[in-house]
Every structure is written in structure tokens, then in C-alpha cells.
Amino acid sequence: MNDETTTKEELINFVKERVAPYKKIRDVIFMEELPLTPVGKVLKRTLRKKFIKEEETTKNS
């Protein structure tokens, strides 16, 4: 898994083999970059807002 061509299925299977069943991931979204604070921490709030908007748009379509 060291190349840039990793697929969703490969990543899900990789995690599935290494974590407890209740921790398994259901979906993967690849992004070019993550929104960061000036300190370098991930802005989780911004990510949540983005994906909530996308889900609402998908449901309304």
C-alpha cells in the first residue's frame, strides 16, 4: 500500500484485517488535501460540514 493507486476496497480490507470488527471502516473518501488550522491540526468541523452538505445534496437529487 505504498503507491498512490490504492483503491477503496484495498484500504477497507487492509483495515479490516487489523482492527476489531466494531472499528471497521464503512467508506473511504480520497482528498487532495485536508483543511488544517495554522498549527497543522485537521479541521474536523469543516470536514463534517462539507460531507453533511454533500449528503443532503445527494438525498435531494
N, C-alpha and C. Protein backbone atom coordinates (compact mmCIF):
# COMPACT_ATOMS: atom_id res chain seq x y z
N MET A 1 0.81 -1.21 0.00
CA MET A 1 0.00 0.00 0.00
C MET A 1 0.85 1.27 0.00
N ASN A 2 1.98 1.24 -0.62
CA ASN A 2 2.86 2.39 -0.62
C ASN A 2 2.74 3.25 -1.86
N ASP A 3 1.87 2.87 -2.80
CA ASP A 3 1.75 3.68 -4.01
C ASP A 3 0.50 4.55 -3.96
N GLU A 4 0.36 5.40 -4.95
CA GLU A 4 -0.76 6.33 -4.99
C GLU A 4 -1.98 5.75 -5.69
N THR A 5 -1.97 4.47 -6.02
CA THR A 5 -3.09 3.87 -6.72
C THR A 5 -3.90 2.93 -5.82
N THR A 6 -3.83 3.13 -4.53
CA THR A 6 -4.60 2.31 -3.60
C THR A 6 -6.09 2.56 -3.82
N THR A 7 -6.86 1.50 -3.86
CA THR A 7 -8.30 1.62 -4.07
C THR A 7 -9.04 1.61 -2.73
N LYS A 8 -10.31 1.99 -2.78
CA LYS A 8 -11.15 1.96 -1.59
C LYS A 8 -11.19 0.56 -1.00
N GLU A 9 -11.38 -0.43 -1.87
CA GLU A 9 -11.51 -1.81 -1.43
C GLU A 9 -10.23 -2.30 -0.76
N GLU A 10 -9.07 -1.94 -1.32
CA GLU A 10 -7.80 -2.34 -0.72
C GLU A 10 -7.64 -1.74 0.67
N LEU A 11 -7.97 -0.49 0.81
CA LEU A 11 -7.84 0.18 2.09
C LEU A 11 -8.80 -0.39 3.12
N ILE A 12 -10.04 -0.63 2.74
CA ILE A 12 -11.03 -1.21 3.65
C ILE A 12 -10.58 -2.60 4.09
N ASN A 13 -10.10 -3.41 3.17
CA ASN A 13 -9.62 -4.76 3.51
C ASN A 13 -8.39 -4.71 4.40
N PHE A 14 -7.49 -3.78 4.14
CA PHE A 14 -6.29 -3.62 4.97
C PHE A 14 -6.68 -3.33 6.41
N VAL A 15 -7.60 -2.40 6.61
CA VAL A 15 -8.04 -2.03 7.96
C VAL A 15 -8.82 -3.19 8.60
N LYS A 16 -9.66 -3.83 7.82
CA LYS A 16 -10.50 -4.93 8.31
C LYS A 16 -9.65 -6.05 8.93
N GLU A 17 -8.49 -6.31 8.33
CA GLU A 17 -7.59 -7.36 8.82
C GLU A 17 -6.88 -6.98 10.11
N ARG A 18 -6.87 -5.70 10.46
CA ARG A 18 -6.03 -5.24 11.57
C ARG A 18 -6.78 -4.64 12.76
N VAL A 19 -8.08 -4.44 12.64
CA VAL A 19 -8.82 -3.83 13.75
C VAL A 19 -10.00 -4.71 14.15
N ALA A 20 -10.53 -4.44 15.33
CA ALA A 20 -11.70 -5.17 15.82
C ALA A 20 -12.89 -4.89 14.90
N PRO A 21 -13.81 -5.86 14.79
CA PRO A 21 -14.95 -5.69 13.89
C PRO A 21 -15.76 -4.42 14.13
N TYR A 22 -15.89 -4.00 15.37
CA TYR A 22 -16.68 -2.80 15.64
C TYR A 22 -15.97 -1.52 15.22
N LYS A 23 -14.69 -1.61 14.91
CA LYS A 23 -13.93 -0.43 14.48
C LYS A 23 -13.76 -0.35 12.96
N LYS A 24 -14.28 -1.34 12.25
CA LYS A 24 -14.05 -1.36 10.80
C LYS A 24 -14.64 -0.11 10.14
N ILE A 25 -14.03 0.28 9.04
CA ILE A 25 -14.49 1.46 8.31
C ILE A 25 -15.51 1.03 7.26
N ARG A 26 -16.48 1.89 7.02
CA ARG A 26 -17.54 1.57 6.06
C ARG A 26 -17.32 2.24 4.71
N ASP A 27 -16.63 3.36 4.71
CA ASP A 27 -16.45 4.10 3.47
C ASP A 27 -15.13 4.86 3.53
N VAL A 28 -14.60 5.14 2.36
CA VAL A 28 -13.34 5.88 2.24
C VAL A 28 -13.55 6.97 1.21
N ILE A 29 -13.07 8.15 1.53
CA ILE A 29 -13.12 9.26 0.60
C ILE A 29 -11.69 9.81 0.46
N PHE A 30 -11.19 9.80 -0.75
CA PHE A 30 -9.85 10.31 -1.01
C PHE A 30 -9.93 11.81 -1.28
N MET A 31 -9.02 12.56 -0.67
CA MET A 31 -8.98 14.01 -0.86
C MET A 31 -7.55 14.42 -1.21
N GLU A 32 -7.44 15.49 -1.97
CA GLU A 32 -6.12 16.02 -2.32
C GLU A 32 -5.42 16.58 -1.09
N GLU A 33 -6.17 17.28 -0.25
CA GLU A 33 -5.60 17.83 0.98
C GLU A 33 -6.70 18.01 2.02
N LEU A 34 -6.30 18.07 3.27
CA LEU A 34 -7.24 18.26 4.37
C LEU A 34 -7.20 19.71 4.83
N PRO A 35 -8.34 20.24 5.30
CA PRO A 35 -8.32 21.59 5.85
C PRO A 35 -7.59 21.57 7.20
N LEU A 36 -6.63 22.46 7.35
CA LEU A 36 -5.80 22.48 8.55
C LEU A 36 -5.86 23.83 9.26
N THR A 37 -5.64 23.79 10.57
CA THR A 37 -5.50 25.02 11.34
C THR A 37 -4.10 25.57 11.08
N PRO A 38 -3.82 26.80 11.51
CA PRO A 38 -2.46 27.32 11.35
C PRO A 38 -1.41 26.48 12.08
N VAL A 39 -1.83 25.75 13.10
CA VAL A 39 -0.91 24.90 13.86
C VAL A 39 -0.67 23.58 13.15
N GLY A 40 -1.57 23.20 12.24
CA GLY A 40 -1.40 21.97 11.49
C GLY A 40 -2.36 20.85 11.87
N LYS A 41 -3.33 21.15 12.73
CA LYS A 41 -4.32 20.14 13.11
C LYS A 41 -5.44 20.12 12.07
N VAL A 42 -6.05 18.93 11.90
CA VAL A 42 -7.14 18.79 10.94
C VAL A 42 -8.39 19.49 11.47
N LEU A 43 -9.03 20.28 10.61
CA LEU A 43 -10.28 20.96 10.98
C LEU A 43 -11.45 20.00 10.76
N LYS A 44 -11.73 19.18 11.78
CA LYS A 44 -12.78 18.17 11.66
C LYS A 44 -14.14 18.81 11.44
N ARG A 45 -14.39 19.93 12.07
CA ARG A 45 -15.67 20.63 11.92
C ARG A 45 -15.92 21.00 10.46
N THR A 46 -14.90 21.48 9.79
CA THR A 46 -15.02 21.84 8.37
C THR A 46 -15.31 20.62 7.52
N LEU A 47 -14.65 19.50 7.82
CA LEU A 47 -14.89 18.26 7.08
C LEU A 47 -16.33 17.80 7.28
N ARG A 48 -16.80 17.83 8.53
CA ARG A 48 -18.18 17.40 8.80
C ARG A 48 -19.17 18.24 8.02
N LYS A 49 -18.99 19.56 8.04
CA LYS A 49 -19.91 20.44 7.31
C LYS A 49 -19.91 20.11 5.82
N LYS A 50 -18.73 19.88 5.27
CA LYS A 50 -18.62 19.59 3.84
C LYS A 50 -19.37 18.31 3.49
N PHE A 51 -19.20 17.27 4.29
CA PHE A 51 -19.82 15.99 3.97
C PHE A 51 -21.30 15.97 4.29
N ILE A 52 -21.74 16.74 5.26
CA ILE A 52 -23.18 16.85 5.53
C ILE A 52 -23.85 17.53 4.34
N LYS A 53 -23.24 18.59 3.80
CA LYS A 53 -23.79 19.27 2.63
C LYS A 53 -23.87 18.32 1.44
N GLU A 54 -22.82 17.52 1.23
CA GLU A 54 -22.80 16.58 0.10
C GLU A 54 -23.88 15.52 0.26
N GLU A 55 -24.09 15.02 1.48
CA GLU A 55 -25.14 14.01 1.72
C GLU A 55 -26.51 14.60 1.45
N GLU A 56 -26.76 15.84 1.91
CA GLU A 56 -28.04 16.48 1.68
C GLU A 56 -28.30 16.68 0.20
N THR A 57 -27.26 17.08 -0.54
CA THR A 57 -27.38 17.28 -1.97
C THR A 57 -27.70 15.95 -2.66
N THR A 58 -27.05 14.89 -2.23
CA THR A 58 -27.27 13.57 -2.82
C THR A 58 -28.68 13.07 -2.53
N LYS A 59 -29.17 13.28 -1.32
CA LYS A 59 -30.51 12.84 -0.94
C LYS A 59 -31.59 13.61 -1.69
N ASN A 60 -31.34 14.89 -1.95
CA ASN A 60 -32.34 15.74 -2.63
C ASN A 60 -32.35 15.54 -4.14
N SER A 61 -31.34 14.87 -4.67
CA SER A 61 -31.27 14.67 -6.14
C SER A 61 -32.15 13.55 -6.61
